[in-house]
Amino acid sequence: MVFIRVKKVKGFDYYYLVKSQWDSKRKISMQHTIKYLGKAADVTIDSIPPEYRNNPKILSLLASVSQEHENKVVVTAAYKEQASLAEFYDDILRPVLYDVGYLWQENKLDIGMEHVCSNTANKTIHKITDSIKPNERMENIIICTPDGELHNIACNIIESLLFEKGFRVINVSPSIPTDSMINYIDETKPVMILISVTLKDNIGSTVRLIKKISTIFSIPILVGGLAVNHSSDIERKNIEAISPSVRVIVNSPLSAIVKTVKGIVKGNNTGNFKNLEPELVV
């Protein structure tokens, strides 16, 4: 008899394709794992070896998982009908991620579970972004992190929002060396660069990246992220003092960031912020 065995690990279900065989000598039924299928939410009929795909028990279980996923999609769609994508990220996803980060910093959440939460968030964001039809006529906008910064959920969220608004977004996060970033800017000719920094330890590499970009290119640069939110006013002013093309965004709703980007692009891509309406930047 073949069936799917469920194993729960830290609140998540994982599936194993198992075969039960009678051991006549020991007079007991023995279970042998045929295949590890992975996280339950990711398992489809294609995950099952062809010779077992018509098994009624397997089909029944997969159907129930598919229905559960369908229900989640319906709930998400219903929310989106009443709220924008920016509100979904701001009101639902971002608070959860902040709580996860806080629990990890307080040693109330181990690194393994923190990674599971982050990976789940990124997977959700990617699925939303993949469902958006691209607009190839828009100019390039680069989203990146400084060298050493390995957190890129914020970059993926901003990519998703700008993509929804029709921008052509090039997301090169997480961390790549500064020289590689310079070469990439030269190749892609973006009209704007967005830099996200999560850890305060990476403010220094952020400053170095901005200085390097500003000495070679005249491109508007927006800088934001948790590290910037937690910086002092003097630190933020020092970042903006690097070049007239640099603007720091602090504790801004995602919709305001998108509005700022649209305002800069609409302002004929002058390379600085002197004509940008003050209310667009929070």
C-alpha atoms as a PDB file:
ATOM      1  CA  MET A   1       0.000   0.000   0.000  1.00  0.00           C
ATOM      2  CA  VAL A   2       1.317   3.432  -0.968  1.00  0.00           C
ATOM      3  CA  PHE A   3       0.326   6.663   0.775  1.00  0.00           C
ATOM      4  CA  ILE A   4       1.616  10.105   1.736  1.00  0.00           C
ATOM      5  CA  ARG A   5       2.921  10.500   5.278  1.00  0.00           C
ATOM      6  CA  VAL A   6       2.783  13.956   6.838  1.00  0.00           C
ATOM      7  CA  LYS A   7       5.505  15.232   9.136  1.00  0.00           C
ATOM      8  CA  LYS A   8       5.082  18.577  10.896  1.00  0.00           C
ATOM      9  CA  VAL A   9       8.250  20.616  11.458  1.00  0.00           C
ATOM     10  CA  LYS A  10       7.961  23.947  13.302  1.00  0.00           C
ATOM     11  CA  GLY A  11       4.355  24.409  12.238  1.00  0.00           C
ATOM     12  CA  PHE A  12       4.801  23.413   8.597  1.00  0.00           C
ATOM     13  CA  ASP A  13       3.655  20.140   6.988  1.00  0.00           C
ATOM     14  CA  TYR A  14       6.131  18.114   4.911  1.00  0.00           C
ATOM     15  CA  TYR A  15       5.156  15.159   2.725  1.00  0.00           C
ATOM     16  CA  TYR A  16       6.814  11.795   2.198  1.00  0.00           C
ATOM     17  CA  LEU A  17       5.676   9.176  -0.290  1.00  0.00           C
ATOM     18  CA  VAL A  18       5.668   5.958   1.731  1.00  0.00           C
ATOM     19  CA  LYS A  19       5.068   2.290   0.942  1.00  0.00           C
ATOM     20  CA  SER A  20       3.741  -0.048   3.601  1.00  0.00           C
ATOM     21  CA  GLN A  21       4.803  -3.702   3.331  1.00  0.00           C
ATOM     22  CA  TRP A  22       4.003  -6.686   5.527  1.00  0.00           C
ATOM     23  CA  ASP A  23       7.025  -8.365   7.084  1.00  0.00           C
ATOM     24  CA  SER A  24       5.943 -11.998   7.410  1.00  0.00           C
ATOM     25  CA  LYS A  25       8.872 -12.921   9.652  1.00  0.00           C
ATOM     26  CA  ARG A  26       8.405 -10.112  12.160  1.00  0.00           C
ATOM     27  CA  LYS A  27       4.611 -10.141  11.754  1.00  0.00           C
ATOM     28  CA  ILE A  28       4.451  -6.344  11.436  1.00  0.00           C
ATOM     29  CA  SER A  29       3.858  -3.772   8.735  1.00  0.00           C
ATOM     30  CA  MET A  30       7.032  -1.902   7.701  1.00  0.00           C
ATOM     31  CA  GLN A  31       7.060   1.531   6.112  1.00  0.00           C
ATOM     32  CA  HIS A  32       9.669   2.448   3.499  1.00  0.00           C
ATOM     33  CA  THR A  33      10.088   5.990   2.176  1.00  0.00           C
ATOM     34  CA  ILE A  34       9.896   6.044  -1.608  1.00  0.00           C
ATOM     35  CA  LYS A  35      10.444   9.778  -2.055  1.00  0.00           C
ATOM     36  CA  TYR A  36      10.665  12.943   0.017  1.00  0.00           C
ATOM     37  CA  LEU A  37       8.142  15.317  -1.589  1.00  0.00           C
ATOM     38  CA  GLY A  38       8.919  18.539   0.280  1.00  0.00           C
ATOM     39  CA  LYS A  39       6.700  21.189   1.861  1.00  0.00           C
ATOM     40  CA  ALA A  40       3.010  20.300   1.571  1.00  0.00           C
ATOM     41  CA  ALA A  41       2.044  23.618  -0.019  1.00  0.00           C
ATOM     42  CA  ASP A  42       4.490  23.008  -2.876  1.00  0.00           C
ATOM     43  CA  VAL A  43       3.515  19.421  -3.691  1.00  0.00           C
ATOM     44  CA  THR A  44       1.589  18.829  -6.926  1.00  0.00           C
ATOM     45  CA  ILE A  45       0.688  15.748  -8.943  1.00  0.00           C
ATOM     46  CA  ASP A  46       3.946  16.229 -10.882  1.00  0.00           C
ATOM     47  CA  SER A  47       5.848  15.673  -7.631  1.00  0.00           C
ATOM     48  CA  ILE A  48       4.545  12.089  -7.510  1.00  0.00           C
ATOM     49  CA  PRO A  49       6.357   9.377  -9.501  1.00  0.00           C
ATOM     50  CA  PRO A  50       4.213   8.429 -12.549  1.00  0.00           C
ATOM     51  CA  GLU A  51       3.515   4.897 -11.326  1.00  0.00           C
ATOM     52  CA  TYR A  52       1.731   6.200  -8.204  1.00  0.00           C
ATOM     53  CA  ARG A  53      -0.240   9.165  -9.628  1.00  0.00           C
ATOM     54  CA  ASN A  54      -3.524   7.268  -9.950  1.00  0.00           C
ATOM     55  CA  ASN A  55      -3.557   6.122  -6.340  1.00  0.00           C
ATOM     56  CA  PRO A  56      -6.943   7.212  -4.856  1.00  0.00           C
ATOM     57  CA  LYS A  57      -5.513   8.152  -1.434  1.00  0.00           C
ATOM     58  CA  ILE A  58      -2.788  10.295  -3.002  1.00  0.00           C
ATOM     59  CA  LEU A  59      -5.236  12.024  -5.345  1.00  0.00           C
ATOM     60  CA  SER A  60      -7.604  12.723  -2.477  1.00  0.00           C
ATOM     61  CA  LEU A  61      -4.901  14.311  -0.327  1.00  0.00           C
ATOM     62  CA  LEU A  62      -3.550  16.454  -3.166  1.00  0.00           C
ATOM     63  CA  ALA A  63      -7.071  17.612  -3.986  1.00  0.00           C
ATOM     64  CA  SER A  64      -7.597  18.786  -0.408  1.00  0.00           C
ATOM     65  CA  VAL A  65      -4.276  20.702  -0.462  1.00  0.00           C
ATOM     66  CA  SER A  66      -5.202  22.267  -3.793  1.00  0.00           C
ATOM     67  CA  GLN A  67      -8.565  23.392  -2.386  1.00  0.00           C
ATOM     68  CA  GLU A  68      -6.874  24.940   0.639  1.00  0.00           C
ATOM     69  CA  HIS A  69      -4.507  26.860  -1.652  1.00  0.00           C
ATOM     70  CA  GLU A  70      -7.467  27.961  -3.785  1.00  0.00           C
ATOM     71  CA  ASN A  71      -9.212  29.309  -0.699  1.00  0.00           C
ATOM     72  CA  LYS A  72      -6.118  31.353   0.195  1.00  0.00           C
ATOM     73  CA  VAL A  73      -6.005  32.778  -3.315  1.00  0.00           C
ATOM     74  CA  VAL A  74      -9.673  33.764  -3.055  1.00  0.00           C
ATOM     75  CA  VAL A  75      -9.041  35.503   0.283  1.00  0.00           C
ATOM     76  CA  THR A  76      -6.039  37.371  -1.167  1.00  0.00           C
ATOM     77  CA  ALA A  77      -8.038  38.388  -4.251  1.00  0.00           C
ATOM     78  CA  ALA A  78     -10.901  39.615  -2.074  1.00  0.00           C
ATOM     79  CA  TYR A  79      -8.485  41.726  -0.056  1.00  0.00           C
ATOM     80  CA  LYS A  80      -6.951  43.157  -3.218  1.00  0.00           C
ATOM     81  CA  GLU A  81     -10.390  44.214  -4.466  1.00  0.00           C
ATOM     82  CA  GLN A  82     -10.739  46.453  -1.416  1.00  0.00           C
ATOM     83  CA  ALA A  83      -7.114  47.573  -1.018  1.00  0.00           C
ATOM     84  CA  SER A  84      -4.096  48.348  -3.165  1.00  0.00           C
ATOM     85  CA  LEU A  85      -1.040  46.111  -3.399  1.00  0.00           C
ATOM     86  CA  ALA A  86       0.907  48.714  -1.411  1.00  0.00           C
ATOM     87  CA  GLU A  87      -1.671  48.504   1.378  1.00  0.00           C
ATOM     88  CA  PHE A  88      -1.438  44.720   1.360  1.00  0.00           C
ATOM     89  CA  TYR A  89       2.325  44.897   1.867  1.00  0.00           C
ATOM     90  CA  ASP A  90       2.108  47.755   4.380  1.00  0.00           C
ATOM     91  CA  ASP A  91      -0.853  46.498   6.427  1.00  0.00           C
ATOM     92  CA  ILE A  92      -0.250  42.751   6.404  1.00  0.00           C
ATOM     93  CA  LEU A  93       3.191  41.618   5.273  1.00  0.00           C
ATOM     94  CA  ARG A  94       5.443  44.326   6.686  1.00  0.00           C
ATOM     95  CA  PRO A  95       4.110  44.131  10.293  1.00  0.00           C
ATOM     96  CA  VAL A  96       4.596  40.364  10.288  1.00  0.00           C
ATOM     97  CA  LEU A  97       8.179  40.727   9.072  1.00  0.00           C
ATOM     98  CA  TYR A  98       8.885  43.383  11.718  1.00  0.00           C
ATOM     99  CA  ASP A  99       7.584  41.024  14.413  1.00  0.00           C
ATOM    100  CA  VAL A 100       9.759  38.188  13.079  1.00  0.00           C
ATOM    101  CA  GLY A 101      12.820  40.442  13.099  1.00  0.00           C
ATOM    102  CA  TYR A 102      12.093  41.645  16.636  1.00  0.00           C
ATOM    103  CA  LEU A 103      11.642  38.102  17.969  1.00  0.00           C
ATOM    104  CA  TRP A 104      14.896  37.041  16.328  1.00  0.00           C
ATOM    105  CA  GLN A 105      16.798  40.000  17.836  1.00  0.00           C
ATOM    106  CA  GLU A 106      15.378  39.133  21.269  1.00  0.00           C
ATOM    107  CA  ASN A 107      16.496  35.483  20.841  1.00  0.00           C
ATOM    108  CA  LYS A 108      12.870  34.377  21.018  1.00  0.00           C
ATOM    109  CA  LEU A 109      13.037  32.928  17.504  1.00  0.00           C
ATOM    110  CA  ASP A 110      15.847  30.712  16.241  1.00  0.00           C
ATOM    111  CA  ILE A 111      17.641  31.486  12.995  1.00  0.00           C
ATOM    112  CA  GLY A 112      16.133  28.466  11.250  1.00  0.00           C
ATOM    113  CA  MET A 113      12.564  29.647  11.765  1.00  0.00           C
ATOM    114  CA  GLU A 114      13.547  33.211  10.846  1.00  0.00           C
ATOM    115  CA  HIS A 115      14.852  31.882   7.521  1.00  0.00           C
ATOM    116  CA  VAL A 116      11.640  29.906   6.970  1.00  0.00           C
ATOM    117  CA  CYS A 117       9.570  33.062   7.544  1.00  0.00           C
ATOM    118  CA  SER A 118      11.764  35.152   5.238  1.00  0.00           C
ATOM    119  CA  ASN A 119      11.731  32.523   2.496  1.00  0.00           C
ATOM    120  CA  THR A 120       7.942  32.229   2.735  1.00  0.00           C
ATOM    121  CA  ALA A 121       7.576  36.010   2.466  1.00  0.00           C
ATOM    122  CA  ASN A 122       9.890  36.168  -0.543  1.00  0.00           C
ATOM    123  CA  LYS A 123       8.026  33.328  -2.218  1.00  0.00           C
ATOM    124  CA  THR A 124       4.718  35.160  -1.752  1.00  0.00           C
ATOM    125  CA  ILE A 125       6.149  38.382  -3.169  1.00  0.00           C
ATOM    126  CA  HIS A 126       7.635  36.598  -6.184  1.00  0.00           C
ATOM    127  CA  LYS A 127       4.319  34.895  -6.960  1.00  0.00           C
ATOM    128  CA  ILE A 128       2.528  38.250  -6.883  1.00  0.00           C
ATOM    129  CA  THR A 129       5.181  39.880  -9.081  1.00  0.00           C
ATOM    130  CA  ASP A 130       5.151  37.000 -11.577  1.00  0.00           C
ATOM    131  CA  SER A 131       1.411  37.498 -12.036  1.00  0.00           C
ATOM    132  CA  ILE A 132       1.888  41.113 -13.184  1.00  0.00           C
ATOM    133  CA  LYS A 133       2.171  41.770 -16.898  1.00  0.00           C
ATOM    134  CA  PRO A 134       5.476  43.538 -17.695  1.00  0.00           C
ATOM    135  CA  ASN A 135       5.722  46.830 -19.571  1.00  0.00           C
ATOM    136  CA  GLU A 136       8.797  46.778 -21.799  1.00  0.00           C
ATOM    137  CA  ARG A 137       8.372  50.398 -22.886  1.00  0.00           C
ATOM    138  CA  MET A 138       9.352  51.956 -19.564  1.00  0.00           C
ATOM    139  CA  GLU A 139      12.876  53.054 -18.641  1.00  0.00           C
ATOM    140  CA  ASN A 140      15.100  50.968 -16.358  1.00  0.00           C
ATOM    141  CA  ILE A 141      15.066  51.433 -12.589  1.00  0.00           C
ATOM    142  CA  ILE A 142      17.669  49.594 -10.516  1.00  0.00           C
ATOM    143  CA  ILE A 143      16.981  48.323  -6.997  1.00  0.00           C
ATOM    144  CA  CYS A 144      19.997  47.152  -5.007  1.00  0.00           C
ATOM    145  CA  THR A 145      21.623  46.737  -1.611  1.00  0.00           C
ATOM    146  CA  PRO A 146      25.133  47.802  -0.567  1.00  0.00           C
ATOM    147  CA  ASP A 147      28.018  45.375  -0.447  1.00  0.00           C
ATOM    148  CA  GLY A 148      27.582  43.061   2.572  1.00  0.00           C
ATOM    149  CA  GLU A 149      23.805  43.496   2.867  1.00  0.00           C
ATOM    150  CA  LEU A 150      22.084  40.125   2.499  1.00  0.00           C
ATOM    151  CA  HIS A 151      18.518  41.204   3.295  1.00  0.00           C
ATOM    152  CA  ASN A 152      16.442  41.797   0.181  1.00  0.00           C
ATOM    153  CA  ILE A 153      12.775  41.385   1.104  1.00  0.00           C
ATOM    154  CA  ALA A 154      12.294  45.169   0.990  1.00  0.00           C
ATOM    155  CA  CYS A 155      13.843  45.246  -2.491  1.00  0.00           C
ATOM    156  CA  ASN A 156      11.492  42.526  -3.671  1.00  0.00           C
ATOM    157  CA  ILE A 157       8.463  44.388  -2.293  1.00  0.00           C
ATOM    158  CA  ILE A 158       9.465  47.650  -4.005  1.00  0.00           C
ATOM    159  CA  GLU A 159      10.140  45.743  -7.233  1.00  0.00           C
ATOM    160  CA  SER A 160       6.647  44.257  -7.060  1.00  0.00           C
ATOM    161  CA  LEU A 161       4.999  47.655  -6.519  1.00  0.00           C
ATOM    162  CA  LEU A 162       6.923  49.459  -9.248  1.00  0.00           C
ATOM    163  CA  PHE A 163       6.367  46.562 -11.618  1.00  0.00           C
ATOM    164  CA  GLU A 164       2.633  46.857 -10.984  1.00  0.00           C
ATOM    165  CA  LYS A 165       2.808  50.544 -11.929  1.00  0.00           C
ATOM    166  CA  GLY A 166       4.405  49.688 -15.270  1.00  0.00           C
ATOM    167  CA  PHE A 167       8.067  50.362 -14.502  1.00  0.00           C
ATOM    168  CA  ARG A 168      10.770  48.082 -15.842  1.00  0.00           C
ATOM    169  CA  VAL A 169      12.629  47.090 -12.675  1.00  0.00           C
ATOM    170  CA  ILE A 170      16.071  45.523 -12.443  1.00  0.00           C
ATOM    171  CA  ASN A 171      16.492  44.006  -8.986  1.00  0.00           C
ATOM    172  CA  VAL A 172      20.154  43.142  -8.374  1.00  0.00           C
ATOM    173  CA  SER A 173      19.822  42.494  -4.647  1.00  0.00           C
ATOM    174  CA  PRO A 174      21.163  41.150  -2.396  1.00  0.00           C
ATOM    175  CA  SER A 175      24.791  42.235  -2.025  1.00  0.00           C
ATOM    176  CA  ILE A 176      27.114  42.555  -5.011  1.00  0.00           C
ATOM    177  CA  PRO A 177      30.558  44.274  -5.016  1.00  0.00           C
ATOM    178  CA  THR A 178      30.535  48.012  -5.685  1.00  0.00           C
ATOM    179  CA  ASP A 179      32.658  47.735  -8.839  1.00  0.00           C
ATOM    180  CA  SER A 180      30.224  45.186 -10.272  1.00  0.00           C
ATOM    181  CA  MET A 181      27.368  47.548  -9.466  1.00  0.00           C
ATOM    182  CA  ILE A 182      29.098  50.371 -11.352  1.00  0.00           C
ATOM    183  CA  ASN A 183      29.587  48.165 -14.402  1.00  0.00           C
ATOM    184  CA  TYR A 184      25.947  47.098 -14.284  1.00  0.00           C
ATOM    185  CA  ILE A 185      24.723  50.701 -14.113  1.00  0.00           C
ATOM    186  CA  ASP A 186      26.869  51.547 -17.123  1.00  0.00           C
ATOM    187  CA  GLU A 187      25.382  48.644 -19.093  1.00  0.00           C
ATOM    188  CA  THR A 188      21.689  49.122 -18.216  1.00  0.00           C
ATOM    189  CA  LYS A 189      21.491  52.955 -18.183  1.00  0.00           C
ATOM    190  CA  PRO A 190      18.835  53.285 -15.430  1.00  0.00           C
ATOM    191  CA  VAL A 191      16.942  56.527 -14.855  1.00  0.00           C
ATOM    192  CA  MET A 192      16.967  55.977 -11.087  1.00  0.00           C
ATOM    193  CA  ILE A 193      18.608  53.821  -8.409  1.00  0.00           C
ATOM    194  CA  LEU A 194      16.938  52.676  -5.198  1.00  0.00           C
ATOM    195  CA  ILE A 195      19.190  51.432  -2.385  1.00  0.00           C
ATOM    196  CA  SER A 196      17.809  49.461   0.557  1.00  0.00           C
ATOM    197  CA  VAL A 197      19.860  48.902   3.712  1.00  0.00           C
ATOM    198  CA  THR A 198      18.556  46.861   6.647  1.00  0.00           C
ATOM    199  CA  LEU A 199      21.526  46.596   9.027  1.00  0.00           C
ATOM    200  CA  LYS A 200      23.189  49.686  10.510  1.00  0.00           C
ATOM    201  CA  ASP A 201      26.560  47.966  10.096  1.00  0.00           C
ATOM    202  CA  ASN A 202      26.092  48.414   6.348  1.00  0.00           C
ATOM    203  CA  ILE A 203      25.570  52.181   6.409  1.00  0.00           C
ATOM    204  CA  GLY A 204      29.281  52.626   5.714  1.00  0.00           C
ATOM    205  CA  SER A 205      29.190  50.468   2.584  1.00  0.00           C
ATOM    206  CA  THR A 206      26.023  52.320   1.531  1.00  0.00           C
ATOM    207  CA  VAL A 207      27.872  55.642   1.730  1.00  0.00           C
ATOM    208  CA  ARG A 208      30.788  54.227  -0.277  1.00  0.00           C
ATOM    209  CA  LEU A 209      28.413  52.908  -2.940  1.00  0.00           C
ATOM    210  CA  ILE A 210      26.617  56.249  -3.234  1.00  0.00           C
ATOM    211  CA  LYS A 211      29.903  58.174  -3.478  1.00  0.00           C
ATOM    212  CA  LYS A 212      31.167  55.838  -6.184  1.00  0.00           C
ATOM    213  CA  ILE A 213      27.943  56.110  -8.207  1.00  0.00           C
ATOM    214  CA  SER A 214      27.733  59.890  -7.803  1.00  0.00           C
ATOM    215  CA  THR A 215      31.279  60.489  -9.029  1.00  0.00           C
ATOM    216  CA  ILE A 216      30.588  58.642 -12.284  1.00  0.00           C
ATOM    217  CA  PHE A 217      26.878  59.069 -13.024  1.00  0.00           C
ATOM    218  CA  SER A 218      24.248  61.784 -12.651  1.00  0.00           C
ATOM    219  CA  ILE A 219      21.341  59.586 -11.582  1.00  0.00           C
ATOM    220  CA  PRO A 220      18.704  60.181  -8.873  1.00  0.00           C
ATOM    221  CA  ILE A 221      19.341  57.895  -5.905  1.00  0.00           C
ATOM    222  CA  LEU A 222      16.759  57.052  -3.232  1.00  0.00           C
ATOM    223  CA  VAL A 223      18.044  55.470  -0.009  1.00  0.00           C
ATOM    224  CA  GLY A 224      15.833  53.769   2.571  1.00  0.00           C
ATOM    225  CA  GLY A 225      15.376  50.772   4.826  1.00  0.00           C
ATOM    226  CA  LEU A 226      15.361  49.889   8.516  1.00  0.00           C
ATOM    227  CA  ALA A 227      18.963  51.021   9.004  1.00  0.00           C
ATOM    228  CA  VAL A 228      18.091  54.476   7.668  1.00  0.00           C
ATOM    229  CA  ASN A 229      14.925  54.629   9.784  1.00  0.00           C
ATOM    230  CA  HIS A 230      17.007  53.958  12.903  1.00  0.00           C
ATOM    231  CA  SER A 231      19.785  56.400  11.985  1.00  0.00           C
ATOM    232  CA  SER A 232      20.142  59.877  13.464  1.00  0.00           C
ATOM    233  CA  ASP A 233      19.195  63.047  11.602  1.00  0.00           C
ATOM    234  CA  ILE A 234      22.889  63.879  11.288  1.00  0.00           C
ATOM    235  CA  GLU A 235      23.637  60.502   9.687  1.00  0.00           C
ATOM    236  CA  ARG A 236      20.808  60.969   7.210  1.00  0.00           C
ATOM    237  CA  LYS A 237      21.923  64.497   6.337  1.00  0.00           C
ATOM    238  CA  ASN A 238      25.465  63.227   5.776  1.00  0.00           C
ATOM    239  CA  ILE A 239      24.121  60.722   3.270  1.00  0.00           C
ATOM    240  CA  GLU A 240      22.141  63.397   1.414  1.00  0.00           C
ATOM    241  CA  ALA A 241      25.173  65.715   1.486  1.00  0.00           C
ATOM    242  CA  ILE A 242      27.099  63.312  -0.762  1.00  0.00           C
ATOM    243  CA  SER A 243      25.312  64.606  -3.866  1.00  0.00           C
ATOM    244  CA  PRO A 244      22.264  66.693  -4.890  1.00  0.00           C
ATOM    245  CA  SER A 245      21.032  63.518  -6.590  1.00  0.00           C
ATOM    246  CA  VAL A 246      20.639  61.663  -3.282  1.00  0.00           C
ATOM    247  CA  ARG A 247      17.507  61.628  -1.155  1.00  0.00           C
ATOM    248  CA  VAL A 248      16.876  59.647   2.039  1.00  0.00           C
ATOM    249  CA  ILE A 249      13.403  58.225   2.674  1.00  0.00           C
ATOM    250  CA  VAL A 250      12.442  57.673   6.332  1.00  0.00           C
ATOM    251  CA  ASN A 251       9.503  55.620   7.672  1.00  0.00           C
ATOM    252  CA  SER A 252       7.608  56.083   4.454  1.00  0.00           C
ATOM    253  CA  PRO A 253       4.428  54.232   3.445  1.00  0.00           C
ATOM    254  CA  LEU A 254       5.064  52.166   0.347  1.00  0.00           C
ATOM    255  CA  SER A 255       2.493  54.134  -1.639  1.00  0.00           C
ATOM    256  CA  ALA A 256       4.469  57.331  -0.907  1.00  0.00           C
ATOM    257  CA  ILE A 257       7.689  55.714  -2.154  1.00  0.00           C
ATOM    258  CA  VAL A 258       5.982  54.751  -5.410  1.00  0.00           C
ATOM    259  CA  LYS A 259       4.598  58.282  -5.715  1.00  0.00           C
ATOM    260  CA  THR A 260       8.098  59.683  -5.163  1.00  0.00           C
ATOM    261  CA  VAL A 261       9.550  57.472  -7.880  1.00  0.00           C
ATOM    262  CA  LYS A 262       6.794  58.477 -10.312  1.00  0.00           C
ATOM    263  CA  GLY A 263       7.401  62.136  -9.467  1.00  0.00           C
ATOM    264  CA  ILE A 264      11.119  61.868 -10.207  1.00  0.00           C
ATOM    265  CA  VAL A 265      10.597  60.048 -13.501  1.00  0.00           C
ATOM    266  CA  LYS A 266       7.922  62.544 -14.527  1.00  0.00           C
ATOM    267  CA  GLY A 267      10.338  65.395 -13.705  1.00  0.00           C
ATOM    268  CA  ASN A 268      12.309  64.640 -16.849  1.00  0.00           C
ATOM    269  CA  ASN A 269      15.010  62.656 -15.014  1.00  0.00           C
ATOM    270  CA  THR A 270      17.064  65.746 -14.204  1.00  0.00           C
ATOM    271  CA  GLY A 271      19.490  63.821 -12.042  1.00  0.00           C
ATOM    272  CA  ASN A 272      18.695  65.753  -8.858  1.00  0.00           C
ATOM    273  CA  PHE A 273      15.752  66.542  -6.591  1.00  0.00           C
ATOM    274  CA  LYS A 274      15.545  70.307  -6.750  1.00  0.00           C
ATOM    275  CA  ASN A 275      12.247  70.220  -8.666  1.00  0.00           C
ATOM    276  CA  LEU A 276      10.703  67.359  -6.700  1.00  0.00           C
ATOM    277  CA  GLU A 277       7.608  68.330  -4.734  1.00  0.00           C
ATOM    278  CA  PRO A 278       8.421  68.132  -0.979  1.00  0.00           C
ATOM    279  CA  GLU A 279       5.274  66.206  -0.095  1.00  0.00           C
ATOM    280  CA  LEU A 280       6.378  63.294  -2.283  1.00  0.00           C
ATOM    281  CA  VAL A 281       9.244  62.487   0.045  1.00  0.00           C
ATOM    282  CA  VAL A 282       8.514  61.328   3.580  1.00  0.00           C
END
